[in-house]
N, C-alpha and C. Protein backbone atom coordinates (compact mmCIF):
# COMPACT_ATOMS: atom_id res chain seq x y z
N MET A 1 42.35 71.22 183.17
CA MET A 1 41.54 71.60 181.93
C MET A 1 41.06 70.19 181.76
N LYS A 2 39.93 69.42 181.26
CA LYS A 2 39.75 68.00 181.27
C LYS A 2 40.41 67.03 179.99
N GLY A 3 41.03 66.21 179.96
CA GLY A 3 41.08 65.39 179.02
C GLY A 3 40.84 65.08 177.97
N ILE A 4 41.17 65.08 176.47
CA ILE A 4 39.93 64.82 175.94
C ILE A 4 39.67 63.06 175.91
N SER A 5 38.76 63.70 175.13
CA SER A 5 37.32 62.44 175.55
C SER A 5 37.62 61.92 173.90
N ASP A 6 37.40 60.83 173.97
CA ASP A 6 36.95 60.24 172.47
C ASP A 6 35.61 59.21 172.36
N PRO A 7 34.62 60.11 172.02
CA PRO A 7 33.89 59.15 171.61
C PRO A 7 33.53 58.79 169.99
N ALA A 8 32.58 57.69 169.70
CA ALA A 8 32.31 57.36 168.70
C ALA A 8 32.52 58.32 167.66
N ILE A 9 33.49 58.18 166.73
CA ILE A 9 33.27 59.24 165.78
C ILE A 9 32.68 58.69 164.21
N PRO A 10 31.68 59.76 163.80
CA PRO A 10 30.80 58.85 163.20
C PRO A 10 31.68 58.92 161.82
N VAL A 11 31.20 57.56 161.08
CA VAL A 11 32.31 57.24 159.81
C VAL A 11 32.47 58.85 159.05
N VAL A 12 31.37 59.19 158.32
CA VAL A 12 32.31 60.12 157.55
C VAL A 12 33.14 61.09 158.14
N ALA A 13 33.65 61.39 159.20
CA ALA A 13 34.91 62.48 160.31
C ALA A 13 35.77 61.59 159.41
N SER A 14 36.05 60.25 159.24
CA SER A 14 37.45 59.38 158.88
C SER A 14 37.90 60.02 157.43
N ARG A 15 36.56 60.84 156.55
CA ARG A 15 36.41 61.12 155.18
C ARG A 15 37.29 62.54 154.58
N ASP A 16 36.91 63.24 156.35
CA ASP A 16 36.96 64.63 156.60
C ASP A 16 38.73 64.96 155.99
N ARG A 17 38.92 66.26 155.47
CA ARG A 17 40.57 66.07 155.37
C ARG A 17 41.20 66.36 156.40
N ARG A 18 42.65 65.69 156.77
CA ARG A 18 43.44 66.24 157.57
C ARG A 18 44.23 67.15 157.25
N CYS A 19 44.34 67.73 158.40
CA CYS A 19 46.06 69.20 157.99
C CYS A 19 47.31 68.92 159.00
N ARG A 20 47.91 69.15 158.41
CA ARG A 20 49.53 68.68 159.16
C ARG A 20 49.49 70.08 160.27
N GLY A 21 49.85 69.61 161.62
CA GLY A 21 49.94 70.74 162.07
C GLY A 21 50.31 72.24 162.03
N TRP A 22 51.58 72.17 161.10
CA TRP A 22 52.30 73.32 160.64
C TRP A 22 51.47 74.59 159.94
N THR A 23 50.12 73.90 159.15
CA THR A 23 49.39 74.09 158.37
C THR A 23 48.73 75.36 158.53
N LEU A 24 48.24 74.85 160.29
CA LEU A 24 47.39 75.36 161.20
C LEU A 24 47.70 76.53 161.92
N ASP A 25 48.59 76.95 161.75
CA ASP A 25 49.68 77.66 162.65
C ASP A 25 50.61 77.84 162.33
N ASN A 26 50.38 79.50 161.12
CA ASN A 26 51.35 79.84 160.77
C ASN A 26 51.33 81.29 160.09
N TRP A 27 52.42 81.75 159.64
CA TRP A 27 52.28 83.46 158.81
C TRP A 27 51.41 83.73 157.95
N LEU A 28 51.19 82.43 156.81
CA LEU A 28 49.91 82.62 156.35
C LEU A 28 48.77 83.09 157.11
N ARG A 29 48.71 82.32 157.54
CA ARG A 29 47.58 82.81 158.36
C ARG A 29 46.94 83.36 159.28
N ARG A 30 48.49 83.69 159.85
CA ARG A 30 48.16 85.30 160.75
C ARG A 30 48.11 86.05 160.18
N TRP A 31 48.37 86.24 158.53
CA TRP A 31 48.31 87.24 157.78
C TRP A 31 46.92 87.40 157.17
N TRP A 32 46.61 85.95 157.17
CA TRP A 32 44.97 85.90 156.02
C TRP A 32 43.96 86.20 157.43
N ALA A 33 43.88 85.44 157.93
CA ALA A 33 43.04 85.75 159.25
C ALA A 33 42.97 85.37 160.55
N PRO A 34 44.12 86.89 161.05
CA PRO A 34 44.22 86.79 162.11
C PRO A 34 43.30 86.30 163.36
N ALA A 35 44.08 86.14 164.25
CA ALA A 35 42.36 85.30 165.34
C ALA A 35 42.37 86.55 166.31
N THR A 36 42.90 87.59 165.95
CA THR A 36 42.35 88.77 166.57
C THR A 36 40.91 89.48 166.10
N ALA A 37 41.42 89.33 164.91
CA ALA A 37 40.14 90.29 163.91
C ALA A 37 39.23 89.09 163.92
N GLU A 38 39.51 87.78 164.62
CA GLU A 38 38.00 86.56 164.29
C GLU A 38 37.33 86.96 165.59
N ALA A 39 38.10 87.47 166.78
CA ALA A 39 37.51 87.17 167.59
C ALA A 39 36.89 89.11 167.79
N ASP A 40 37.26 89.42 167.42
CA ASP A 40 36.62 91.21 167.24
C ASP A 40 35.33 90.91 166.28
N LEU A 41 35.18 90.01 165.64
CA LEU A 41 34.02 89.79 164.80
C LEU A 41 32.88 89.09 165.70
N LEU A 42 33.20 88.63 166.14
CA LEU A 42 32.32 87.34 167.08
C LEU A 42 32.26 88.30 168.62
N ALA A 43 32.77 89.40 168.86
CA ALA A 43 32.28 90.08 170.09
C ALA A 43 32.18 89.24 171.06
N ILE A 44 33.39 88.46 171.83
CA ILE A 44 33.79 87.79 172.58
C ILE A 44 33.63 88.41 173.73
N ARG A 45 32.70 87.96 174.82
CA ARG A 45 32.87 88.89 175.96
C ARG A 45 33.34 88.06 177.14
N SER A 46 33.57 88.59 178.30
CA SER A 46 33.67 88.18 179.41
C SER A 46 32.71 87.14 179.82
N GLY A 47 33.83 86.35 180.60
CA GLY A 47 32.40 85.26 180.90
C GLY A 47 31.32 84.14 179.89
N GLN A 48 31.96 84.40 179.07
CA GLN A 48 31.02 83.31 177.91
C GLN A 48 31.71 82.55 177.89
N HIS A 49 30.76 81.51 176.88
CA HIS A 49 31.19 80.27 176.89
C HIS A 49 31.45 79.96 175.07
N VAL A 50 32.70 79.85 175.10
CA VAL A 50 32.89 79.36 173.33
C VAL A 50 33.38 78.46 172.89
N VAL A 51 32.93 77.95 172.07
CA VAL A 51 33.11 76.15 171.16
C VAL A 51 34.09 76.58 169.78
N ASP A 52 35.48 76.02 169.44
CA ASP A 52 36.01 76.26 168.88
C ASP A 52 36.14 75.21 167.51
N LEU A 53 34.82 74.91 166.89
CA LEU A 53 34.89 73.50 166.21
C LEU A 53 35.83 73.39 164.85
N GLY A 54 37.19 72.42 165.37
CA GLY A 54 37.66 71.97 164.14
C GLY A 54 38.86 73.09 164.45
N THR A 55 39.38 73.03 166.19
CA THR A 55 40.43 74.24 166.32
C THR A 55 41.51 73.73 165.56
N GLY A 56 41.75 72.34 165.70
CA GLY A 56 43.52 72.43 164.94
C GLY A 56 44.44 71.71 166.03
N VAL A 57 45.45 72.99 165.77
CA VAL A 57 46.23 73.32 167.11
C VAL A 57 46.39 74.19 168.28
N GLY A 58 44.68 74.38 167.76
CA GLY A 58 45.03 75.91 169.10
C GLY A 58 44.97 76.94 168.62
N TYR A 59 45.42 77.62 167.46
CA TYR A 59 45.36 78.51 166.85
C TYR A 59 44.61 79.81 167.64
N LEU A 60 43.82 79.19 167.53
CA LEU A 60 42.68 80.80 168.23
C LEU A 60 43.02 80.52 169.73
N VAL A 61 43.27 79.35 170.57
CA VAL A 61 42.88 79.72 171.69
C VAL A 61 43.34 80.87 172.70
N PRO A 62 44.97 81.35 172.48
CA PRO A 62 45.30 82.32 173.22
C PRO A 62 44.11 84.05 173.61
N VAL A 63 43.78 84.06 172.01
CA VAL A 63 43.00 85.15 172.31
C VAL A 63 41.52 84.43 172.77
N LEU A 64 41.12 83.74 172.87
CA LEU A 64 40.08 83.28 173.10
C LEU A 64 39.96 83.66 174.79
N LEU A 65 40.87 82.32 175.31
CA LEU A 65 41.17 83.01 176.12
C LEU A 65 41.27 84.21 177.13
N GLU A 66 41.97 85.40 176.46
CA GLU A 66 42.35 86.14 176.79
C GLU A 66 40.49 86.90 176.89
N ARG A 67 40.02 87.02 175.50
CA ARG A 67 38.36 87.71 175.58
C ARG A 67 37.34 87.18 176.68
N VAL A 68 37.19 85.64 177.16
CA VAL A 68 36.56 84.64 177.97
C VAL A 68 36.82 85.28 179.26
N GLY A 69 38.24 85.87 180.02
CA GLY A 69 38.63 86.10 181.11
C GLY A 69 38.22 84.65 181.97
N PRO A 70 38.56 84.88 182.96
CA PRO A 70 38.64 83.87 184.20
C PRO A 70 37.32 83.73 184.22
N GLU A 71 36.64 83.86 183.97
CA GLU A 71 35.48 83.21 184.34
C GLU A 71 34.60 82.20 183.22
N GLY A 72 35.28 82.80 182.37
CA GLY A 72 34.73 81.84 180.61
C GLY A 72 35.04 80.62 180.67
N THR A 73 34.76 80.00 179.67
CA THR A 73 35.28 78.39 178.98
C THR A 73 35.11 78.54 177.73
N VAL A 74 36.64 77.34 177.34
CA VAL A 74 36.50 77.32 175.73
C VAL A 74 36.67 76.24 175.47
N ASP A 75 35.55 75.47 174.63
CA ASP A 75 35.92 74.13 173.97
C ASP A 75 36.31 73.55 173.02
N LEU A 76 37.55 72.87 172.95
CA LEU A 76 38.34 72.73 171.36
C LEU A 76 37.36 71.34 170.83
N VAL A 77 37.13 71.22 169.61
CA VAL A 77 36.88 70.21 169.15
C VAL A 77 37.66 69.70 167.90
N ASP A 78 38.17 68.74 167.65
CA ASP A 78 38.75 68.31 166.14
C ASP A 78 38.46 66.98 166.31
N PRO A 79 38.59 66.26 165.44
CA PRO A 79 38.78 64.73 164.88
C PRO A 79 40.20 64.42 165.12
N ASP A 80 41.27 65.10 164.69
CA ASP A 80 42.27 64.62 164.36
C ASP A 80 43.13 64.90 166.17
N ARG A 81 43.68 63.90 166.22
CA ARG A 81 43.95 63.42 167.83
C ARG A 81 45.62 64.12 167.95
N ARG A 82 46.20 63.97 166.74
CA ARG A 82 47.60 64.88 166.73
C ARG A 82 47.60 65.88 166.51
N ASN A 83 46.41 66.51 165.91
CA ASN A 83 46.38 68.06 166.38
C ASN A 83 46.18 68.56 167.58
N LEU A 84 45.19 67.67 167.99
CA LEU A 84 44.60 67.96 169.50
C LEU A 84 45.36 67.83 170.75
N SER A 85 46.61 66.83 170.48
CA SER A 85 47.65 66.60 171.56
C SER A 85 48.63 67.83 171.47
N LEU A 86 48.46 68.50 170.38
CA LEU A 86 49.79 69.75 170.27
C LEU A 86 48.86 70.63 171.34
N ALA A 87 47.51 70.69 171.12
CA ALA A 87 46.94 72.13 171.29
C ALA A 87 47.04 71.61 172.92
N GLU A 88 47.02 70.62 173.13
CA GLU A 88 46.48 70.46 174.77
C GLU A 88 48.46 70.61 175.43
N ALA A 89 49.19 69.94 174.68
CA ALA A 89 50.46 70.25 175.06
C ALA A 89 50.60 71.66 175.61
N ARG A 90 50.09 72.96 174.49
CA ARG A 90 50.47 74.18 174.53
C ARG A 90 49.68 74.65 175.77
N TRP A 91 48.30 74.04 175.98
CA TRP A 91 47.16 74.92 176.96
C TRP A 91 46.97 74.34 177.74
N GLY A 92 47.31 72.74 178.14
CA GLY A 92 46.99 72.18 179.07
C GLY A 92 47.04 72.17 180.71
N THR A 93 47.67 73.11 180.95
CA THR A 93 47.41 73.65 182.51
C THR A 93 46.59 74.85 182.53
N ASP A 94 45.16 75.11 181.77
CA ASP A 94 44.25 75.79 182.16
C ASP A 94 42.98 75.60 182.43
N ALA A 95 42.53 75.58 183.47
CA ALA A 95 41.33 74.99 183.97
C ALA A 95 39.96 75.09 182.92
N ARG A 96 39.81 76.92 182.12
CA ARG A 96 39.08 76.91 181.05
C ARG A 96 38.86 76.14 180.15
N ILE A 97 39.62 75.17 179.63
CA ILE A 97 39.82 74.40 178.35
C ILE A 97 39.41 73.00 178.46
N ARG A 98 37.68 72.39 177.54
CA ARG A 98 37.57 71.36 177.24
C ARG A 98 38.16 70.99 176.40
N VAL A 99 38.45 70.06 176.42
CA VAL A 99 39.20 69.08 174.64
C VAL A 99 38.69 68.18 174.41
N MET A 100 37.44 67.85 173.43
CA MET A 100 36.83 67.02 172.55
C MET A 100 37.78 66.24 171.53
N CYS A 101 37.75 64.90 171.24
CA CYS A 101 37.91 64.29 170.28
C CYS A 101 36.89 63.85 169.19
N THR A 102 36.46 64.88 168.33
CA THR A 102 35.45 64.33 167.45
C THR A 102 35.16 65.30 166.41
N SER A 103 34.70 65.04 165.62
CA SER A 103 34.14 65.77 164.31
C SER A 103 33.20 66.69 164.83
N ALA A 104 33.48 68.22 163.54
CA ALA A 104 33.09 69.43 164.40
C ALA A 104 31.19 68.90 163.89
N ALA A 105 30.72 67.78 163.09
CA ALA A 105 29.00 67.80 162.84
C ALA A 105 28.67 66.40 163.92
N HIS A 106 29.69 66.31 165.17
CA HIS A 106 28.98 65.31 165.85
C HIS A 106 29.58 65.70 167.22
N VAL A 107 28.74 66.83 167.91
CA VAL A 107 29.46 66.79 169.37
C VAL A 107 28.40 67.01 170.22
N PRO A 108 28.00 65.07 170.81
CA PRO A 108 27.01 65.19 172.12
C PRO A 108 27.44 65.90 173.01
N GLU A 109 28.81 65.92 174.06
CA GLU A 109 29.06 66.53 174.94
C GLU A 109 28.55 67.95 175.57
N VAL A 110 28.35 68.98 174.00
CA VAL A 110 28.04 70.23 174.07
C VAL A 110 25.86 70.01 174.28
N PRO A 111 25.93 70.62 175.22
CA PRO A 111 24.43 70.39 175.78
C PRO A 111 23.74 71.50 174.66
N ASN A 112 22.23 70.99 174.10
CA ASN A 112 21.13 71.99 173.64
C ASN A 112 21.42 73.24 174.01
N GLY A 113 21.50 74.39 173.01
CA GLY A 113 21.32 76.01 173.73
C GLY A 113 22.53 76.28 174.58
N SER A 114 23.33 75.95 174.55
CA SER A 114 24.36 76.04 175.76
C SER A 114 25.74 76.82 175.50
N VAL A 115 25.72 77.20 174.52
CA VAL A 115 26.96 78.21 174.08
C VAL A 115 26.25 79.60 173.90
N ASP A 116 27.41 80.60 173.92
CA ASP A 116 27.68 82.19 173.55
C ASP A 116 28.24 82.11 172.20
N ARG A 117 29.25 81.03 172.08
CA ARG A 117 29.83 81.46 170.78
C ARG A 117 30.29 80.50 169.76
N VAL A 118 30.34 80.23 168.97
CA VAL A 118 30.89 79.29 168.27
C VAL A 118 31.84 80.01 166.59
N LEU A 119 32.80 79.09 166.59
CA LEU A 119 33.44 79.83 165.56
C LEU A 119 34.10 78.29 164.74
N LEU A 120 33.84 78.40 163.11
CA LEU A 120 34.23 77.14 162.63
C LEU A 120 34.89 78.14 161.40
N SER A 121 36.32 78.48 161.85
CA SER A 121 37.56 79.06 161.24
C SER A 121 38.20 78.26 160.51
N LEU A 122 37.80 78.21 158.93
CA LEU A 122 38.82 77.53 157.92
C LEU A 122 38.39 76.24 158.14
N VAL A 123 37.26 75.48 158.74
CA VAL A 123 37.09 74.25 158.70
C VAL A 123 36.04 73.52 157.48
N LEU A 124 35.03 74.50 157.23
CA LEU A 124 34.04 73.53 156.51
C LEU A 124 34.63 73.09 154.83
N CYS A 125 35.58 73.75 155.06
CA CYS A 125 36.48 73.68 153.61
C CYS A 125 36.78 71.91 153.79
N CYS A 126 37.38 71.15 155.00
CA CYS A 126 37.98 70.62 155.10
C CYS A 126 37.24 69.11 155.45
N MET A 127 35.25 69.93 155.51
CA MET A 127 34.54 68.38 155.90
C MET A 127 33.57 68.21 155.15
N VAL A 128 33.33 66.98 154.94
CA VAL A 128 32.61 66.53 153.97
C VAL A 128 31.02 66.55 154.51
N ASP A 129 30.78 66.54 155.69
CA ASP A 129 29.75 66.45 156.72
C ASP A 129 29.61 68.12 156.93
N LYS A 130 29.11 68.91 155.98
CA LYS A 130 29.18 70.68 156.24
C LYS A 130 28.00 70.89 156.96
N GLU A 131 26.82 69.99 156.73
CA GLU A 131 25.65 70.05 156.69
C GLU A 131 25.59 70.14 158.33
N GLY A 132 26.08 69.12 158.73
CA GLY A 132 26.64 68.47 159.91
C GLY A 132 27.07 69.81 160.85
N ALA A 133 27.97 70.17 160.47
CA ALA A 133 28.76 70.97 161.35
C ALA A 133 27.56 72.31 161.21
N MET A 134 27.10 72.41 160.93
CA MET A 134 26.43 73.90 160.57
C MET A 134 25.43 73.67 161.16
N ASP A 135 24.03 72.49 161.29
CA ASP A 135 23.88 72.07 162.16
C ASP A 135 23.77 71.94 163.67
N GLU A 136 25.20 71.47 163.98
CA GLU A 136 25.98 71.52 165.54
C GLU A 136 25.85 72.66 166.19
N ALA A 137 26.27 73.74 165.21
CA ALA A 137 26.55 75.19 165.46
C ALA A 137 25.09 75.65 165.73
N TRP A 138 24.27 75.39 165.61
CA TRP A 138 22.79 76.13 165.84
C TRP A 138 22.06 75.29 166.89
N ARG A 139 22.55 73.82 167.46
CA ARG A 139 21.77 73.40 167.98
C ARG A 139 22.47 73.70 169.52
N MET A 140 23.97 73.73 169.20
CA MET A 140 24.39 74.43 170.56
C MET A 140 24.01 75.71 171.09
N LEU A 141 23.73 76.83 169.56
CA LEU A 141 23.73 78.04 170.75
C LEU A 141 22.50 78.55 171.46
N ARG A 142 22.79 79.39 171.97
CA ARG A 142 21.87 80.13 172.82
C ARG A 142 21.26 81.28 171.80
N PRO A 143 20.23 81.17 171.98
CA PRO A 143 18.76 82.44 171.52
C PRO A 143 20.07 83.57 171.67
N GLY A 144 20.46 84.50 170.20
CA GLY A 144 20.87 85.20 170.39
C GLY A 144 22.36 84.91 170.22
N GLY A 145 22.94 83.76 170.11
CA GLY A 145 24.37 83.63 170.25
C GLY A 145 24.43 83.57 168.44
N LEU A 146 26.12 84.01 168.63
CA LEU A 146 27.11 84.48 167.23
C LEU A 146 27.96 82.83 166.83
N ALA A 147 27.94 82.98 165.49
CA ALA A 147 28.84 81.57 165.19
C ALA A 147 29.39 82.68 164.16
N LEU A 148 30.56 82.14 163.81
CA LEU A 148 31.14 82.71 162.64
C LEU A 148 31.94 81.48 161.61
N ILE A 149 31.86 81.66 160.58
CA ILE A 149 32.50 80.74 160.11
C ILE A 149 33.36 81.14 158.86
N THR A 150 34.56 80.72 158.30
CA THR A 150 35.37 81.57 157.29
C THR A 150 35.93 80.11 156.75
N TYR A 151 35.60 80.23 155.06
CA TYR A 151 36.30 80.02 154.37
C TYR A 151 36.93 79.76 153.34
N PRO A 152 38.09 79.40 152.49
CA PRO A 152 39.12 80.27 151.20
C PRO A 152 37.99 80.64 150.10
N GLU A 153 38.32 81.63 149.70
CA GLU A 153 37.87 81.87 148.26
C GLU A 153 37.79 80.58 147.09
N ARG A 154 37.07 80.80 146.72
CA ARG A 154 36.61 79.56 145.31
C ARG A 154 37.96 79.82 144.74
N ARG A 155 38.85 78.79 143.81
CA ARG A 155 39.57 79.09 143.12
C ARG A 155 39.24 77.86 141.66
N ARG A 156 39.56 78.74 140.68
CA ARG A 156 39.42 77.80 139.51
C ARG A 156 40.23 76.24 139.27
N ARG A 157 41.26 76.49 138.92
CA ARG A 157 41.70 75.22 139.03
C ARG A 157 42.15 74.46 140.48
N LEU A 158 41.18 73.49 140.41
CA LEU A 158 41.44 73.06 141.92
C LEU A 158 41.24 71.54 141.62
N SER A 159 41.71 70.75 142.80
CA SER A 159 42.17 68.90 142.66
C SER A 159 40.74 68.68 142.44
N ALA A 160 40.59 67.09 142.13
CA ALA A 160 38.87 66.61 142.53
C ALA A 160 38.84 66.73 143.91
N LEU A 161 39.39 66.18 145.16
CA LEU A 161 38.94 66.70 146.52
C LEU A 161 38.63 67.73 146.93
N LYS A 162 39.46 68.96 146.04
CA LYS A 162 39.36 70.01 146.80
C LYS A 162 38.08 70.60 145.96
N ARG A 163 37.83 70.38 144.81
CA ARG A 163 36.57 70.56 144.80
C ARG A 163 35.39 70.04 145.21
N THR A 164 35.59 68.93 146.00
CA THR A 164 34.66 68.32 146.66
C THR A 164 34.52 68.85 147.98
N LEU A 165 35.70 68.88 148.75
CA LEU A 165 35.41 69.92 149.49
C LEU A 165 35.43 71.36 149.69
N ARG A 166 35.40 71.87 148.45
CA ARG A 166 35.44 73.46 148.54
C ARG A 166 33.77 73.53 149.28
N VAL A 167 34.03 75.27 149.62
CA VAL A 167 32.51 75.54 149.49
C VAL A 167 32.30 77.00 148.63
N SER A 168 31.44 76.43 147.55
CA SER A 168 31.06 77.20 146.33
C SER A 168 29.96 78.45 147.26
N PRO A 169 29.76 79.41 146.26
CA PRO A 169 28.61 80.03 146.81
C PRO A 169 27.04 79.68 146.52
N GLU A 170 26.99 78.73 145.99
CA GLU A 170 25.88 77.81 145.58
C GLU A 170 25.99 76.87 147.11
N LEU A 171 26.91 76.13 146.92
CA LEU A 171 26.69 75.64 148.54
C LEU A 171 26.45 76.52 150.14
N TRP A 172 26.95 77.42 150.05
CA TRP A 172 26.87 78.15 150.71
C TRP A 172 25.61 78.64 150.90
N SER A 173 24.63 79.10 149.93
CA SER A 173 23.28 79.69 149.76
C SER A 173 22.51 78.21 150.55
N ARG A 174 22.80 77.03 150.61
CA ARG A 174 21.77 75.66 150.73
C ARG A 174 22.58 75.91 152.36
N LEU A 175 23.46 76.18 152.59
CA LEU A 175 23.68 75.75 154.17
C LEU A 175 22.85 76.96 154.88
N ILE A 176 22.97 78.31 154.57
CA ILE A 176 22.82 79.19 155.19
C ILE A 176 21.42 79.17 155.68
N VAL A 177 20.23 78.21 154.63
CA VAL A 177 19.12 78.43 154.44
C VAL A 177 18.48 76.94 155.18
N ARG A 178 19.73 76.16 156.00
CA ARG A 178 18.67 74.89 156.75
C ARG A 178 18.48 75.30 158.10
N HIS A 179 19.03 76.52 158.73
CA HIS A 179 18.10 76.86 159.61
C HIS A 179 17.35 78.61 159.55
N PRO A 180 16.81 79.22 160.38
CA PRO A 180 16.42 80.66 160.18
C PRO A 180 17.10 81.65 160.77
N TRP A 181 18.57 81.43 160.52
CA TRP A 181 20.18 82.57 160.80
C TRP A 181 19.68 83.79 160.53
N HIS A 182 19.91 85.00 161.49
CA HIS A 182 20.08 86.05 161.30
C HIS A 182 21.26 86.49 160.55
N VAL A 183 21.74 86.97 159.30
CA VAL A 183 23.10 87.25 158.89
C VAL A 183 23.63 88.77 159.35
N VAL A 184 24.63 88.55 160.29
CA VAL A 184 24.87 89.97 161.17
C VAL A 184 26.18 90.93 160.01
N LYS A 185 26.83 89.61 159.54
CA LYS A 185 28.03 90.23 158.32
C LYS A 185 28.12 89.29 157.41
N SER A 186 29.15 89.59 156.35
CA SER A 186 29.24 88.75 155.35
C SER A 186 30.36 89.28 154.32
N GLU A 187 31.56 89.17 154.09
CA GLU A 187 32.60 89.87 153.88
C GLU A 187 33.47 88.81 153.24
N ARG A 188 34.38 89.05 152.13
CA ARG A 188 35.44 88.89 151.66
C ARG A 188 36.76 89.16 152.02
N HIS A 189 37.88 89.23 152.47
CA HIS A 189 38.97 89.55 152.78
C HIS A 189 40.20 88.84 153.03
N ARG A 190 41.01 89.33 151.79
CA ARG A 190 41.99 88.56 151.79
C ARG A 190 41.89 87.32 151.53
N TRP A 191 41.14 87.07 150.72
CA TRP A 191 40.74 85.48 149.78
C TRP A 191 40.36 84.51 150.44
N ILE A 192 40.04 85.32 151.78
CA ILE A 192 38.97 84.74 152.72
C ILE A 192 37.71 85.23 152.79
N ARG A 193 36.64 84.15 153.07
CA ARG A 193 34.87 84.50 153.55
C ARG A 193 35.16 84.52 154.46
N ARG A 194 34.47 85.79 155.34
CA ARG A 194 34.19 85.72 156.64
C ARG A 194 32.14 85.68 156.48
N HIS A 195 31.62 85.30 157.27
CA HIS A 195 30.40 85.47 157.22
C HIS A 195 29.87 85.09 159.45
N VAL A 196 29.32 86.07 159.69
CA VAL A 196 28.74 86.31 161.22
C VAL A 196 27.29 85.53 161.32
N LEU A 197 27.00 85.11 161.92
CA LEU A 197 25.72 84.58 161.75
C LEU A 197 24.83 84.76 163.64
N GLU A 198 23.62 85.13 163.37
CA GLU A 198 23.17 84.86 164.79
C GLU A 198 22.28 84.25 164.59
N LYS A 199 21.79 83.28 166.01
CA LYS A 199 20.24 82.92 166.41
C LYS A 199 19.48 83.24 166.95
N PRO A 200 18.58 83.46 166.38
CA PRO A 200 17.25 84.74 166.48
C PRO A 200 17.01 83.99 167.81
N THR A 201 16.10 85.68 168.73
CA THR A 201 15.95 84.63 170.07
C THR A 201 14.68 84.50 169.76
N SER A 202 13.89 84.75 169.03
CA SER A 202 12.02 84.63 168.73
C SER A 202 11.97 83.86 167.23
């Protein structure tokens, strides 16, 4: 495993909402958003290159490694060094993993069009620069590559911070038209919105 890199993180990343490690991998998330279900939606295959934008403590890592097989690679991206360190402690002996301490909206170490699958699992609701994260997912995906974006269903009673960070249907409509995505699937499941998007081949 390559060590944690620490490129200059855009100022906007410092305003993203930080989550405590225990909130990122617990029984409630396993019930709401099972890792196997998310991997199934992306149809991850052996040998593929997968990027987990906003990986946190590495909740999805075991399933991702199982799906990409011995020849695949998994990039873990998160701006919170504390949570990334927990992920590194758990999976640091696996050479298929690369860890990057940076915002999901700014991942210069991943080349354009080099990735088969991208996950933004329960991440947009924590980000100020949601447009930047969607732009990065588009940039790094190969033509024909898939992205999975999930976020909590909107609730009426929200604090000012949560209202700022939440993903409303109106905001999602603005995010999805930034690039000519092909919508493969869009669903609500257990209070979670899930969208599978494909970068067209032409």
